[in-house]
Each structure stands twice: as C-alpha cells, then as structure tokens.
Amino acid sequence: MAKDTKEAWLDKEAINNLKTTLGEEVYKDLLKEFFSYCEESFHSLNISYLDKDFISIEDIAHNLKSNSLVYGLEKLSKEAKALELYSSKQDIAKVTEVYNNLKGIYKKSLELLKANE
C-alpha cells in the first residue's frame, strides 16, 4: 500500500504544467472556479446520495474524476472513479463506503491543492 504522503495525493508535475501553460494568474483564476465547482458538485452529490439517485451519483463522480485529475488530484480522482463504478452497478453498500471515504479525501485534497497555489 502506498504511503499517505503529499505525492500520493497530488501530481505536482500536472500542477506545474498547468501553471506553465496557462500562466500563474490564469491558473489561479481557474483554480478558484474549480473550488466553486467542487463545492457545487459535493452539494449535488450529497443530495443524490440521500435520494439514492445512482444515475446522478455516477454522472457527478464521472465529472469529478476527470476534473480533479486535470488539477493533479490523483487520489480524489481515483476515489471518484470507484464511486462512478459502484454507482453504475447500483451497489449501495460500496457506494456508501466510497462516498464516505470521498468526503475526507475531497477535504484533504483541496487543502493540499490550496497549499500548492
């Protein structure tokens, strides 16, 4: 099992590539939008989870998986991928387990990303 280090959570090369490609100011602007997107996504995810709306959970998890990977949040992306998979199978036990893990991973991932601005 991989060590629980910043490197296991963040792909710094992806972050540096974004900063280089976009420029520091554009990167910071897009990062603010990403943080807003994440808040909205998790709000929608919470509602979908409470409603046991597997289609919405799968859709939100798919988008979160892709968008978080763009910003180098590998662990968040991996967990979102698992949520997407279990939602597609409508496996409520696994969806619950991954959903609960995802909430903590989400919080820590954003903290680490903010620290690397």
PDB file of N, CA and C in Angstrom:
ATOM      1  N   MET A   1       0.835  -1.181   0.000  1.00  0.00           N
ATOM      2  CA  MET A   1       0.000   0.000   0.000  1.00  0.00           C
ATOM      3  C   MET A   1       0.881   1.246   0.000  1.00  0.00           C
ATOM      4  N   ALA A   2       0.521   2.243  -0.785  1.00  0.00           N
ATOM      5  CA  ALA A   2       1.324   3.462  -0.905  1.00  0.00           C
ATOM      6  C   ALA A   2       1.277   4.262   0.385  1.00  0.00           C
ATOM      7  N   LYS A   3       2.375   4.937   0.663  1.00  0.00           N
ATOM      8  CA  LYS A   3       2.417   5.814   1.821  1.00  0.00           C
ATOM      9  C   LYS A   3       1.447   6.970   1.623  1.00  0.00           C
ATOM     10  N   ASP A   4       0.904   7.448   2.720  1.00  0.00           N
ATOM     11  CA  ASP A   4      -0.046   8.553   2.667  1.00  0.00           C
ATOM     12  C   ASP A   4       0.732   9.869   2.707  1.00  0.00           C
ATOM     13  N   THR A   5       1.342  10.220   1.589  1.00  0.00           N
ATOM     14  CA  THR A   5       2.153  11.428   1.501  1.00  0.00           C
ATOM     15  C   THR A   5       1.519  12.388   0.515  1.00  0.00           C
ATOM     16  N   LYS A   6       2.054  13.611   0.488  1.00  0.00           N
ATOM     17  CA  LYS A   6       1.555  14.590  -0.476  1.00  0.00           C
ATOM     18  C   LYS A   6       1.680  14.063  -1.898  1.00  0.00           C
ATOM     19  N   GLU A   7       2.764  13.349  -2.167  1.00  0.00           N
ATOM     20  CA  GLU A   7       2.986  12.828  -3.516  1.00  0.00           C
ATOM     21  C   GLU A   7       1.903  11.819  -3.919  1.00  0.00           C
ATOM     22  N   ALA A   8       1.397  11.056  -2.952  1.00  0.00           N
ATOM     23  CA  ALA A   8       0.336  10.094  -3.253  1.00  0.00           C
ATOM     24  C   ALA A   8      -0.991  10.801  -3.541  1.00  0.00           C
ATOM     25  N   TRP A   9      -1.125  12.020  -3.079  1.00  0.00           N
ATOM     26  CA  TRP A   9      -2.366  12.769  -3.232  1.00  0.00           C
ATOM     27  C   TRP A   9      -2.324  13.713  -4.433  1.00  0.00           C
ATOM     28  N   LEU A  10      -1.156  14.299  -4.679  1.00  0.00           N
ATOM     29  CA  LEU A  10      -1.016  15.332  -5.712  1.00  0.00           C
ATOM     30  C   LEU A  10      -0.008  14.943  -6.779  1.00  0.00           C
ATOM     31  N   ASP A  11      -0.330  15.286  -8.005  1.00  0.00           N
ATOM     32  CA  ASP A  11       0.624  15.173  -9.100  1.00  0.00           C
ATOM     33  C   ASP A  11       1.168  16.583  -9.337  1.00  0.00           C
ATOM     34  N   LYS A  12       2.300  16.862  -8.713  1.00  0.00           N
ATOM     35  CA  LYS A  12       2.867  18.220  -8.800  1.00  0.00           C
ATOM     36  C   LYS A  12       3.284  18.570 -10.227  1.00  0.00           C
ATOM     37  N   GLU A  13       3.647  17.568 -10.990  1.00  0.00           N
ATOM     38  CA  GLU A  13       4.028  17.825 -12.381  1.00  0.00           C
ATOM     39  C   GLU A  13       2.819  18.355 -13.166  1.00  0.00           C
ATOM     40  N   ALA A  14       1.650  17.777 -12.932  1.00  0.00           N
ATOM     41  CA  ALA A  14       0.431  18.256 -13.611  1.00  0.00           C
ATOM     42  C   ALA A  14       0.127  19.699 -13.204  1.00  0.00           C
ATOM     43  N   ILE A  15       0.303  20.000 -11.937  1.00  0.00           N
ATOM     44  CA  ILE A  15       0.061  21.366 -11.447  1.00  0.00           C
ATOM     45  C   ILE A  15       1.049  22.332 -12.087  1.00  0.00           C
ATOM     46  N   ASN A  16       2.319  21.960 -12.097  1.00  0.00           N
ATOM     47  CA  ASN A  16       3.341  22.826 -12.694  1.00  0.00           C
ATOM     48  C   ASN A  16       3.124  23.016 -14.192  1.00  0.00           C
ATOM     49  N   ASN A  17       2.694  21.963 -14.871  1.00  0.00           N
ATOM     50  CA  ASN A  17       2.397  22.070 -16.304  1.00  0.00           C
ATOM     51  C   ASN A  17       1.249  23.043 -16.552  1.00  0.00           C
ATOM     52  N   LEU A  18       0.216  22.969 -15.716  1.00  0.00           N
ATOM     53  CA  LEU A  18      -0.900  23.916 -15.853  1.00  0.00           C
ATOM     54  C   LEU A  18      -0.430  25.347 -15.642  1.00  0.00           C
ATOM     55  N   LYS A  19       0.356  25.557 -14.597  1.00  0.00           N
ATOM     56  CA  LYS A  19       0.859  26.904 -14.300  1.00  0.00           C
ATOM     57  C   LYS A  19       1.710  27.430 -15.451  1.00  0.00           C
ATOM     58  N   THR A  20       2.551  26.570 -16.003  1.00  0.00           N
ATOM     59  CA  THR A  20       3.422  26.972 -17.101  1.00  0.00           C
ATOM     60  C   THR A  20       2.616  27.261 -18.366  1.00  0.00           C
ATOM     61  N   THR A  21       1.691  26.378 -18.679  1.00  0.00           N
ATOM     62  CA  THR A  21       0.888  26.522 -19.892  1.00  0.00           C
ATOM     63  C   THR A  21      -0.059  27.709 -19.826  1.00  0.00           C
ATOM     64  N   LEU A  22      -0.726  27.858 -18.697  1.00  0.00           N
ATOM     65  CA  LEU A  22      -1.757  28.890 -18.572  1.00  0.00           C
ATOM     66  C   LEU A  22      -1.232  30.227 -18.066  1.00  0.00           C
ATOM     67  N   GLY A  23      -0.144  30.190 -17.360  1.00  0.00           N
ATOM     68  CA  GLY A  23       0.342  31.381 -16.665  1.00  0.00           C
ATOM     69  C   GLY A  23      -0.230  31.382 -15.254  1.00  0.00           C
ATOM     70  N   GLU A  24       0.499  31.970 -14.354  1.00  0.00           N
ATOM     71  CA  GLU A  24       0.152  31.940 -12.933  1.00  0.00           C
ATOM     72  C   GLU A  24      -1.219  32.552 -12.642  1.00  0.00           C
ATOM     73  N   GLU A  25      -1.511  33.689 -13.242  1.00  0.00           N
ATOM     74  CA  GLU A  25      -2.786  34.375 -12.955  1.00  0.00           C
ATOM     75  C   GLU A  25      -3.988  33.603 -13.480  1.00  0.00           C
ATOM     76  N   VAL A  26      -3.894  33.101 -14.704  1.00  0.00           N
ATOM     77  CA  VAL A  26      -4.996  32.323 -15.276  1.00  0.00           C
ATOM     78  C   VAL A  26      -5.193  31.051 -14.460  1.00  0.00           C
ATOM     79  N   TYR A  27      -4.091  30.423 -14.074  1.00  0.00           N
ATOM     80  CA  TYR A  27      -4.172  29.218 -13.248  1.00  0.00           C
ATOM     81  C   TYR A  27      -4.922  29.511 -11.954  1.00  0.00           C
ATOM     82  N   LYS A  28      -4.571  30.595 -11.284  1.00  0.00           N
ATOM     83  CA  LYS A  28      -5.234  30.940 -10.016  1.00  0.00           C
ATOM     84  C   LYS A  28      -6.714  31.228 -10.224  1.00  0.00           C
ATOM     85  N   ASP A  29      -7.056  31.896 -11.315  1.00  0.00           N
ATOM     86  CA  ASP A  29      -8.474  32.159 -11.616  1.00  0.00           C
ATOM     87  C   ASP A  29      -9.231  30.852 -11.851  1.00  0.00           C
ATOM     88  N   LEU A  30      -8.640  29.966 -12.640  1.00  0.00           N
ATOM     89  CA  LEU A  30      -9.286  28.681 -12.909  1.00  0.00           C
ATOM     90  C   LEU A  30      -9.372  27.811 -11.659  1.00  0.00           C
ATOM     91  N   LEU A  31      -8.380  27.930 -10.804  1.00  0.00           N
ATOM     92  CA  LEU A  31      -8.386  27.169  -9.563  1.00  0.00           C
ATOM     93  C   LEU A  31      -9.552  27.614  -8.666  1.00  0.00           C
ATOM     94  N   LYS A  32      -9.806  28.910  -8.623  1.00  0.00           N
ATOM     95  CA  LYS A  32     -10.960  29.413  -7.861  1.00  0.00           C
ATOM     96  C   LYS A  32     -12.255  28.849  -8.425  1.00  0.00           C
ATOM     97  N   GLU A  33     -12.354  28.792  -9.735  1.00  0.00           N
ATOM     98  CA  GLU A  33     -13.545  28.215 -10.369  1.00  0.00           C
ATOM     99  C   GLU A  33     -13.656  26.723 -10.046  1.00  0.00           C
ATOM    100  N   PHE A  34     -12.525  26.044 -10.030  1.00  0.00           N
ATOM    101  CA  PHE A  34     -12.523  24.624  -9.697  1.00  0.00           C
ATOM    102  C   PHE A  34     -13.009  24.402  -8.269  1.00  0.00           C
ATOM    103  N   PHE A  35     -12.565  25.231  -7.336  1.00  0.00           N
ATOM    104  CA  PHE A  35     -13.012  25.105  -5.948  1.00  0.00           C
ATOM    105  C   PHE A  35     -14.530  25.300  -5.857  1.00  0.00           C
ATOM    106  N   SER A  36     -15.055  26.283  -6.591  1.00  0.00           N
ATOM    107  CA  SER A  36     -16.508  26.504  -6.617  1.00  0.00           C
ATOM    108  C   SER A  36     -17.225  25.307  -7.222  1.00  0.00           C
ATOM    109  N   TYR A  37     -16.665  24.793  -8.312  1.00  0.00           N
ATOM    110  CA  TYR A  37     -17.227  23.611  -8.966  1.00  0.00           C
ATOM    111  C   TYR A  37     -17.282  22.445  -7.974  1.00  0.00           C
ATOM    112  N   CYS A  38     -16.219  22.251  -7.215  1.00  0.00           N
ATOM    113  CA  CYS A  38     -16.178  21.151  -6.251  1.00  0.00           C
ATOM    114  C   CYS A  38     -17.243  21.316  -5.176  1.00  0.00           C
ATOM    115  N   GLU A  39     -17.408  22.522  -4.680  1.00  0.00           N
ATOM    116  CA  GLU A  39     -18.443  22.765  -3.667  1.00  0.00           C
ATOM    117  C   GLU A  39     -19.822  22.432  -4.216  1.00  0.00           C
ATOM    118  N   GLU A  40     -20.108  22.897  -5.405  1.00  0.00           N
ATOM    119  CA  GLU A  40     -21.399  22.620  -6.035  1.00  0.00           C
ATOM    120  C   GLU A  40     -21.569  21.124  -6.289  1.00  0.00           C
ATOM    121  N   SER A  41     -20.512  20.486  -6.758  1.00  0.00           N
ATOM    122  CA  SER A  41     -20.573  19.049  -7.046  1.00  0.00           C
ATOM    123  C   SER A  41     -20.849  18.244  -5.783  1.00  0.00           C
ATOM    124  N   PHE A  42     -20.164  18.594  -4.702  1.00  0.00           N
ATOM    125  CA  PHE A  42     -20.381  17.839  -3.465  1.00  0.00           C
ATOM    126  C   PHE A  42     -21.748  18.113  -2.865  1.00  0.00           C
ATOM    127  N   HIS A  43     -22.255  19.310  -3.043  1.00  0.00           N
ATOM    128  CA  HIS A  43     -23.622  19.595  -2.599  1.00  0.00           C
ATOM    129  C   HIS A  43     -24.607  18.711  -3.382  1.00  0.00           C
ATOM    130  N   SER A  44     -24.451  18.670  -4.691  1.00  0.00           N
ATOM    131  CA  SER A  44     -25.311  17.833  -5.541  1.00  0.00           C
ATOM    132  C   SER A  44     -25.119  16.356  -5.234  1.00  0.00           C
ATOM    133  N   LEU A  45     -23.886  15.970  -4.971  1.00  0.00           N
ATOM    134  CA  LEU A  45     -23.597  14.575  -4.641  1.00  0.00           C
ATOM    135  C   LEU A  45     -24.283  14.174  -3.343  1.00  0.00           C
ATOM    136  N   ASN A  46     -24.252  15.048  -2.355  1.00  0.00           N
ATOM    137  CA  ASN A  46     -24.926  14.765  -1.080  1.00  0.00           C
ATOM    138  C   ASN A  46     -26.418  14.540  -1.284  1.00  0.00           C
ATOM    139  N   ILE A  47     -27.036  15.405  -2.069  1.00  0.00           N
ATOM    140  CA  ILE A  47     -28.469  15.272  -2.341  1.00  0.00           C
ATOM    141  C   ILE A  47     -28.747  13.975  -3.094  1.00  0.00           C
ATOM    142  N   SER A  48     -27.944  13.701  -4.102  1.00  0.00           N
ATOM    143  CA  SER A  48     -28.131  12.477  -4.899  1.00  0.00           C
ATOM    144  C   SER A  48     -27.932  11.235  -4.047  1.00  0.00           C
ATOM    145  N   TYR A  49     -26.954  11.275  -3.150  1.00  0.00           N
ATOM    146  CA  TYR A  49     -26.711  10.133  -2.278  1.00  0.00           C
ATOM    147  C   TYR A  49     -27.911   9.903  -1.354  1.00  0.00           C
ATOM    148  N   LEU A  50     -28.406  10.958  -0.749  1.00  0.00           N
ATOM    149  CA  LEU A  50     -29.559  10.827   0.148  1.00  0.00           C
ATOM    150  C   LEU A  50     -30.788  10.294  -0.592  1.00  0.00           C
ATOM    151  N   ASP A  51     -30.916  10.682  -1.855  1.00  0.00           N
ATOM    152  CA  ASP A  51     -32.042  10.218  -2.684  1.00  0.00           C
ATOM    153  C   ASP A  51     -31.785   8.853  -3.321  1.00  0.00           C
ATOM    154  N   LYS A  52     -30.586   8.307  -3.129  1.00  0.00           N
ATOM    155  CA  LYS A  52     -30.175   7.049  -3.766  1.00  0.00           C
ATOM    156  C   LYS A  52     -30.350   7.125  -5.287  1.00  0.00           C
ATOM    157  N   ASP A  53     -29.996   8.295  -5.839  1.00  0.00           N
ATOM    158  CA  ASP A  53     -30.099   8.554  -7.281  1.00  0.00           C
ATOM    159  C   ASP A  53     -28.779   8.137  -7.932  1.00  0.00           C
ATOM    160  N   PHE A  54     -28.680   6.857  -8.259  1.00  0.00           N
ATOM    161  CA  PHE A  54     -27.430   6.299  -8.769  1.00  0.00           C
ATOM    162  C   PHE A  54     -26.983   6.927 -10.085  1.00  0.00           C
ATOM    163  N   ILE A  55     -27.912   7.298 -10.926  1.00  0.00           N
ATOM    164  CA  ILE A  55     -27.561   7.910 -12.209  1.00  0.00           C
ATOM    165  C   ILE A  55     -26.873   9.256 -11.981  1.00  0.00           C
ATOM    166  N   SER A  56     -27.430  10.058 -11.091  1.00  0.00           N
ATOM    167  CA  SER A  56     -26.809  11.363 -10.788  1.00  0.00           C
ATOM    168  C   SER A  56     -25.472  11.195 -10.090  1.00  0.00           C
ATOM    169  N   ILE A  57     -25.400  10.245  -9.161  1.00  0.00           N
ATOM    170  CA  ILE A  57     -24.130   9.984  -8.470  1.00  0.00           C
ATOM    171  C   ILE A  57     -23.058   9.602  -9.482  1.00  0.00           C
ATOM    172  N   GLU A  58     -23.412   8.715 -10.390  1.00  0.00           N
ATOM    173  CA  GLU A  58     -22.464   8.268 -11.413  1.00  0.00           C
ATOM    174  C   GLU A  58     -21.997   9.443 -12.279  1.00  0.00           C
ATOM    175  N   ASP A  59     -22.923  10.290 -12.679  1.00  0.00           N
ATOM    176  CA  ASP A  59     -22.600  11.444 -13.519  1.00  0.00           C
ATOM    177  C   ASP A  59     -21.692  12.437 -12.785  1.00  0.00           C
ATOM    178  N   ILE A  60     -22.033  12.748 -11.554  1.00  0.00           N
ATOM    179  CA  ILE A  60     -21.228  13.687 -10.761  1.00  0.00           C
ATOM    180  C   ILE A  60     -19.840  13.102 -10.511  1.00  0.00           C
ATOM    181  N   ALA A  61     -19.789  11.822 -10.167  1.00  0.00           N
ATOM    182  CA  ALA A  61     -18.497  11.165  -9.914  1.00  0.00           C
ATOM    183  C   ALA A  61     -17.632  11.149 -11.169  1.00  0.00           C
ATOM    184  N   HIS A  62     -18.253  10.914 -12.319  1.00  0.00           N
ATOM    185  CA  HIS A  62     -17.511  10.919 -13.587  1.00  0.00           C
ATOM    186  C   HIS A  62     -16.867  12.289 -13.831  1.00  0.00           C
ATOM    187  N   ASN A  63     -17.639  13.338 -13.664  1.00  0.00           N
ATOM    188  CA  ASN A  63     -17.111  14.690 -13.880  1.00  0.00           C
ATOM    189  C   ASN A  63     -16.049  15.053 -12.851  1.00  0.00           C
ATOM    190  N   LEU A  64     -16.280  14.680 -11.607  1.00  0.00           N
ATOM    191  CA  LEU A  64     -15.309  14.959 -10.548  1.00  0.00           C
ATOM    192  C   LEU A  64     -14.012  14.202 -10.803  1.00  0.00           C
ATOM    193  N   LYS A  65     -14.130  12.976 -11.280  1.00  0.00           N
ATOM    194  CA  LYS A  65     -12.952  12.150 -11.605  1.00  0.00           C
ATOM    195  C   LYS A  65     -12.074  12.866 -12.635  1.00  0.00           C
ATOM    196  N   SER A  66     -12.690  13.325 -13.693  1.00  0.00           N
ATOM    197  CA  SER A  66     -11.943  13.955 -14.781  1.00  0.00           C
ATOM    198  C   SER A  66     -11.382  15.318 -14.374  1.00  0.00           C
ATOM    199  N   ASN A  67     -12.224  16.142 -13.773  1.00  0.00           N
ATOM    200  CA  ASN A  67     -11.795  17.496 -13.416  1.00  0.00           C
ATOM    201  C   ASN A  67     -10.723  17.501 -12.336  1.00  0.00           C
ATOM    202  N   SER A  68     -10.821  16.612 -11.372  1.00  0.00           N
ATOM    203  CA  SER A  68      -9.802  16.592 -10.322  1.00  0.00           C
ATOM    204  C   SER A  68      -8.460  16.119 -10.860  1.00  0.00           C
ATOM    205  N   LEU A  69      -8.482  15.244 -11.846  1.00  0.00           N
ATOM    206  CA  LEU A  69      -7.227  14.775 -12.433  1.00  0.00           C
ATOM    207  C   LEU A  69      -6.504  15.897 -13.186  1.00  0.00           C
ATOM    208  N   VAL A  70      -7.273  16.777 -13.813  1.00  0.00           N
ATOM    209  CA  VAL A  70      -6.678  17.933 -14.502  1.00  0.00           C
ATOM    210  C   VAL A  70      -5.839  18.758 -13.533  1.00  0.00           C
ATOM    211  N   TYR A  71      -6.305  18.866 -12.291  1.00  0.00           N
ATOM    212  CA  TYR A  71      -5.598  19.666 -11.285  1.00  0.00           C
ATOM    213  C   TYR A  71      -4.637  18.831 -10.440  1.00  0.00           C
ATOM    214  N   GLY A  72      -4.343  17.613 -10.889  1.00  0.00           N
ATOM    215  CA  GLY A  72      -3.336  16.794 -10.237  1.00  0.00           C
ATOM    216  C   GLY A  72      -3.799  16.103  -8.971  1.00  0.00           C
ATOM    217  N   LEU A  73      -5.101  16.058  -8.735  1.00  0.00           N
ATOM    218  CA  LEU A  73      -5.624  15.438  -7.522  1.00  0.00           C
ATOM    219  C   LEU A  73      -5.904  13.954  -7.781  1.00  0.00           C
ATOM    220  N   GLU A  74      -4.828  13.199  -7.786  1.00  0.00           N
ATOM    221  CA  GLU A  74      -4.901  11.800  -8.183  1.00  0.00           C
ATOM    222  C   GLU A  74      -5.745  10.942  -7.250  1.00  0.00           C
ATOM    223  N   LYS A  75      -5.585  11.139  -5.963  1.00  0.00           N
ATOM    224  CA  LYS A  75      -6.324  10.305  -5.013  1.00  0.00           C
ATOM    225  C   LYS A  75      -7.824  10.612  -5.087  1.00  0.00           C
ATOM    226  N   LEU A  76      -8.166  11.864  -5.221  1.00  0.00           N
ATOM    227  CA  LEU A  76      -9.571  12.255  -5.361  1.00  0.00           C
ATOM    228  C   LEU A  76     -10.147  11.673  -6.642  1.00  0.00           C
ATOM    229  N   SER A  77      -9.404  11.747  -7.717  1.00  0.00           N
ATOM    230  CA  SER A  77      -9.848  11.209  -8.998  1.00  0.00           C
ATOM    231  C   SER A  77     -10.064   9.700  -8.915  1.00  0.00           C
ATOM    232  N   LYS A  78      -9.146   9.011  -8.275  1.00  0.00           N
ATOM    233  CA  LYS A  78      -9.245   7.556  -8.140  1.00  0.00           C
ATOM    234  C   LYS A  78     -10.482   7.162  -7.335  1.00  0.00           C
ATOM    235  N   GLU A  79     -10.751   7.888  -6.267  1.00  0.00           N
ATOM    236  CA  GLU A  79     -11.918   7.564  -5.433  1.00  0.00           C
ATOM    237  C   GLU A  79     -13.216   7.907  -6.165  1.00  0.00           C
ATOM    238  N   ALA A  80     -13.210   8.998  -6.914  1.00  0.00           N
ATOM    239  CA  ALA A  80     -14.384   9.365  -7.715  1.00  0.00           C
ATOM    240  C   ALA A  80     -14.651   8.295  -8.781  1.00  0.00           C
ATOM    241  N   LYS A  81     -13.587   7.738  -9.332  1.00  0.00           N
ATOM    242  CA  LYS A  81     -13.729   6.661 -10.318  1.00  0.00           C
ATOM    243  C   LYS A  81     -14.403   5.439  -9.683  1.00  0.00           C
ATOM    244  N   ALA A  82     -14.006   5.118  -8.467  1.00  0.00           N
ATOM    245  CA  ALA A  82     -14.625   3.993  -7.758  1.00  0.00           C
ATOM    246  C   ALA A  82     -16.106   4.273  -7.499  1.00  0.00           C
ATOM    247  N   LEU A  83     -16.418   5.500  -7.110  1.00  0.00           N
ATOM    248  CA  LEU A  83     -17.813   5.869  -6.871  1.00  0.00           C
ATOM    249  C   LEU A  83     -18.623   5.762  -8.162  1.00  0.00           C
ATOM    250  N   GLU A  84     -18.040   6.196  -9.250  1.00  0.00           N
ATOM    251  CA  GLU A  84     -18.701   6.086 -10.546  1.00  0.00           C
ATOM    252  C   GLU A  84     -19.005   4.615 -10.870  1.00  0.00           C
ATOM    253  N   LEU A  85     -18.032   3.756 -10.668  1.00  0.00           N
ATOM    254  CA  LEU A  85     -18.188   2.333 -10.958  1.00  0.00           C
ATOM    255  C   LEU A  85     -19.296   1.706 -10.112  1.00  0.00           C
ATOM    256  N   TYR A  86     -19.229   1.909  -8.789  1.00  0.00           N
ATOM    257  CA  TYR A  86     -20.216   1.283  -7.913  1.00  0.00           C
ATOM    258  C   TYR A  86     -21.610   1.865  -8.108  1.00  0.00           C
ATOM    259  N   SER A  87     -21.685   3.121  -8.498  1.00  0.00           N
ATOM    260  CA  SER A  87     -22.988   3.716  -8.797  1.00  0.00           C
ATOM    261  C   SER A  87     -23.592   3.086 -10.038  1.00  0.00           C
ATOM    262  N   SER A  88     -22.749   2.822 -11.024  1.00  0.00           N
ATOM    263  CA  SER A  88     -23.249   2.191 -12.251  1.00  0.00           C
ATOM    264  C   SER A  88     -23.796   0.790 -11.969  1.00  0.00           C
ATOM    265  N   LYS A  89     -23.264   0.150 -10.935  1.00  0.00           N
ATOM    266  CA  LYS A  89     -23.729  -1.187 -10.541  1.00  0.00           C
ATOM    267  C   LYS A  89     -24.847  -1.121  -9.494  1.00  0.00           C
ATOM    268  N   GLN A  90     -25.149   0.085  -9.051  1.00  0.00           N
ATOM    269  CA  GLN A  90     -26.163   0.328  -8.016  1.00  0.00           C
ATOM    270  C   GLN A  90     -25.897  -0.497  -6.758  1.00  0.00           C
ATOM    271  N   ASP A  91     -24.613  -0.559  -6.392  1.00  0.00           N
ATOM    272  CA  ASP A  91     -24.178  -1.293  -5.203  1.00  0.00           C
ATOM    273  C   ASP A  91     -24.162  -0.320  -4.027  1.00  0.00           C
ATOM    274  N   ILE A  92     -25.272  -0.255  -3.303  1.00  0.00           N
ATOM    275  CA  ILE A  92     -25.425   0.759  -2.255  1.00  0.00           C
ATOM    276  C   ILE A  92     -24.398   0.615  -1.140  1.00  0.00           C
ATOM    277  N   ALA A  93     -24.017  -0.596  -0.806  1.00  0.00           N
ATOM    278  CA  ALA A  93     -23.015  -0.785   0.256  1.00  0.00           C
ATOM    279  C   ALA A  93     -21.674  -0.178  -0.154  1.00  0.00           C
ATOM    280  N   LYS A  94     -21.238  -0.471  -1.371  1.00  0.00           N
ATOM    281  CA  LYS A  94     -19.962   0.079  -1.859  1.00  0.00           C
ATOM    282  C   LYS A  94     -20.075   1.581  -2.119  1.00  0.00           C
ATOM    283  N   VAL A  95     -21.212   2.023  -2.644  1.00  0.00           N
ATOM    284  CA  VAL A  95     -21.413   3.463  -2.857  1.00  0.00           C
ATOM    285  C   VAL A  95     -21.297   4.195  -1.529  1.00  0.00           C
ATOM    286  N   THR A  96     -21.906   3.660  -0.488  1.00  0.00           N
ATOM    287  CA  THR A  96     -21.842   4.290   0.833  1.00  0.00           C
ATOM    288  C   THR A  96     -20.410   4.335   1.348  1.00  0.00           C
ATOM    289  N   GLU A  97     -19.705   3.229   1.228  1.00  0.00           N
ATOM    290  CA  GLU A  97     -18.317   3.163   1.696  1.00  0.00           C
ATOM    291  C   GLU A  97     -17.435   4.179   0.960  1.00  0.00           C
ATOM    292  N   VAL A  98     -17.525   4.187  -0.351  1.00  0.00           N
ATOM    293  CA  VAL A  98     -16.686   5.082  -1.153  1.00  0.00           C
ATOM    294  C   VAL A  98     -17.108   6.538  -0.954  1.00  0.00           C
ATOM    295  N   TYR A  99     -18.394   6.784  -0.895  1.00  0.00           N
ATOM    296  CA  TYR A  99     -18.906   8.137  -0.664  1.00  0.00           C
ATOM    297  C   TYR A  99     -18.350   8.696   0.647  1.00  0.00           C
ATOM    298  N   ASN A 100     -18.366   7.902   1.693  1.00  0.00           N
ATOM    299  CA  ASN A 100     -17.836   8.363   2.983  1.00  0.00           C
ATOM    300  C   ASN A 100     -16.336   8.611   2.912  1.00  0.00           C
ATOM    301  N   ASN A 101     -15.597   7.749   2.219  1.00  0.00           N
ATOM    302  CA  ASN A 101     -14.158   7.964   2.021  1.00  0.00           C
ATOM    303  C   ASN A 101     -13.907   9.224   1.194  1.00  0.00           C
ATOM    304  N   LEU A 102     -14.725   9.395   0.168  1.00  0.00           N
ATOM    305  CA  LEU A 102     -14.544  10.507  -0.761  1.00  0.00           C
ATOM    306  C   LEU A 102     -14.658  11.857  -0.064  1.00  0.00           C
ATOM    307  N   LYS A 103     -15.546  11.965   0.911  1.00  0.00           N
ATOM    308  CA  LYS A 103     -15.717  13.242   1.616  1.00  0.00           C
ATOM    309  C   LYS A 103     -14.423  13.674   2.308  1.00  0.00           C
ATOM    310  N   GLY A 104     -13.750  12.738   2.963  1.00  0.00           N
ATOM    311  CA  GLY A 104     -12.488  13.067   3.625  1.00  0.00           C
ATOM    312  C   GLY A 104     -11.365  13.335   2.632  1.00  0.00           C
ATOM    313  N   ILE A 105     -11.321  12.546   1.587  1.00  0.00           N
ATOM    314  CA  ILE A 105     -10.300  12.726   0.553  1.00  0.00           C
ATOM    315  C   ILE A 105     -10.482  14.075  -0.134  1.00  0.00           C
ATOM    316  N   TYR A 106     -11.723  14.426  -0.401  1.00  0.00           N
ATOM    317  CA  TYR A 106     -12.049  15.722  -1.012  1.00  0.00           C
ATOM    318  C   TYR A 106     -11.503  16.867  -0.165  1.00  0.00           C
ATOM    319  N   LYS A 107     -11.795  16.844   1.112  1.00  0.00           N
ATOM    320  CA  LYS A 107     -11.359  17.921   2.006  1.00  0.00           C
ATOM    321  C   LYS A 107      -9.833  18.036   2.027  1.00  0.00           C
ATOM    322  N   LYS A 108      -9.150  16.925   2.211  1.00  0.00           N
ATOM    323  CA  LYS A 108      -7.689  16.952   2.285  1.00  0.00           C
ATOM    324  C   LYS A 108      -7.070  17.331   0.939  1.00  0.00           C
ATOM    325  N   SER A 109      -7.652  16.846  -0.159  1.00  0.00           N
ATOM    326  CA  SER A 109      -7.129  17.161  -1.489  1.00  0.00           C
ATOM    327  C   SER A 109      -7.171  18.653  -1.763  1.00  0.00           C
ATOM    328  N   LEU A 110      -8.290  19.278  -1.425  1.00  0.00           N
ATOM    329  CA  LEU A 110      -8.395  20.721  -1.666  1.00  0.00           C
ATOM    330  C   LEU A 110      -7.444  21.497  -0.772  1.00  0.00           C
ATOM    331  N   GLU A 111      -7.254  21.042   0.452  1.00  0.00           N
ATOM    332  CA  GLU A 111      -6.284  21.690   1.338  1.00  0.00           C
ATOM    333  C   GLU A 111      -4.883  21.624   0.746  1.00  0.00           C
ATOM    334  N   LEU A 112      -4.510  20.451   0.250  1.00  0.00           N
ATOM    335  CA  LEU A 112      -3.183  20.282  -0.351  1.00  0.00           C
ATOM    336  C   LEU A 112      -3.035  21.118  -1.617  1.00  0.00           C
ATOM    337  N   LEU A 113      -4.091  21.187  -2.415  1.00  0.00           N
ATOM    338  CA  LEU A 113      -4.041  21.980  -3.635  1.00  0.00           C
ATOM    339  C   LEU A 113      -3.903  23.461  -3.312  1.00  0.00           C
ATOM    340  N   LYS A 114      -4.644  23.933  -2.318  1.00  0.00           N
ATOM    341  CA  LYS A 114      -4.552  25.335  -1.904  1.00  0.00           C
ATOM    342  C   LYS A 114      -3.144  25.653  -1.383  1.00  0.00           C
ATOM    343  N   ALA A 115      -2.538  24.711  -0.702  1.00  0.00           N
ATOM    344  CA  ALA A 115      -1.182  24.907  -0.175  1.00  0.00           C
ATOM    345  C   ALA A 115      -0.151  24.968  -1.286  1.00  0.00           C
ATOM    346  N   ASN A 116      -0.497  24.442  -2.455  1.00  0.00           N
ATOM    347  CA  ASN A 116       0.425  24.444  -3.596  1.00  0.00           C
ATOM    348  C   ASN A 116       0.113  25.521  -4.619  1.00  0.00           C
ATOM    349  N   GLU A 117      -0.739  26.463  -4.238  1.00  0.00           N
ATOM    350  CA  GLU A 117      -1.055  27.578  -5.159  1.00  0.00           C
ATOM    351  C   GLU A 117       0.210  28.315  -5.401  1.00  0.00           C
TER     352      GLU A 117
END
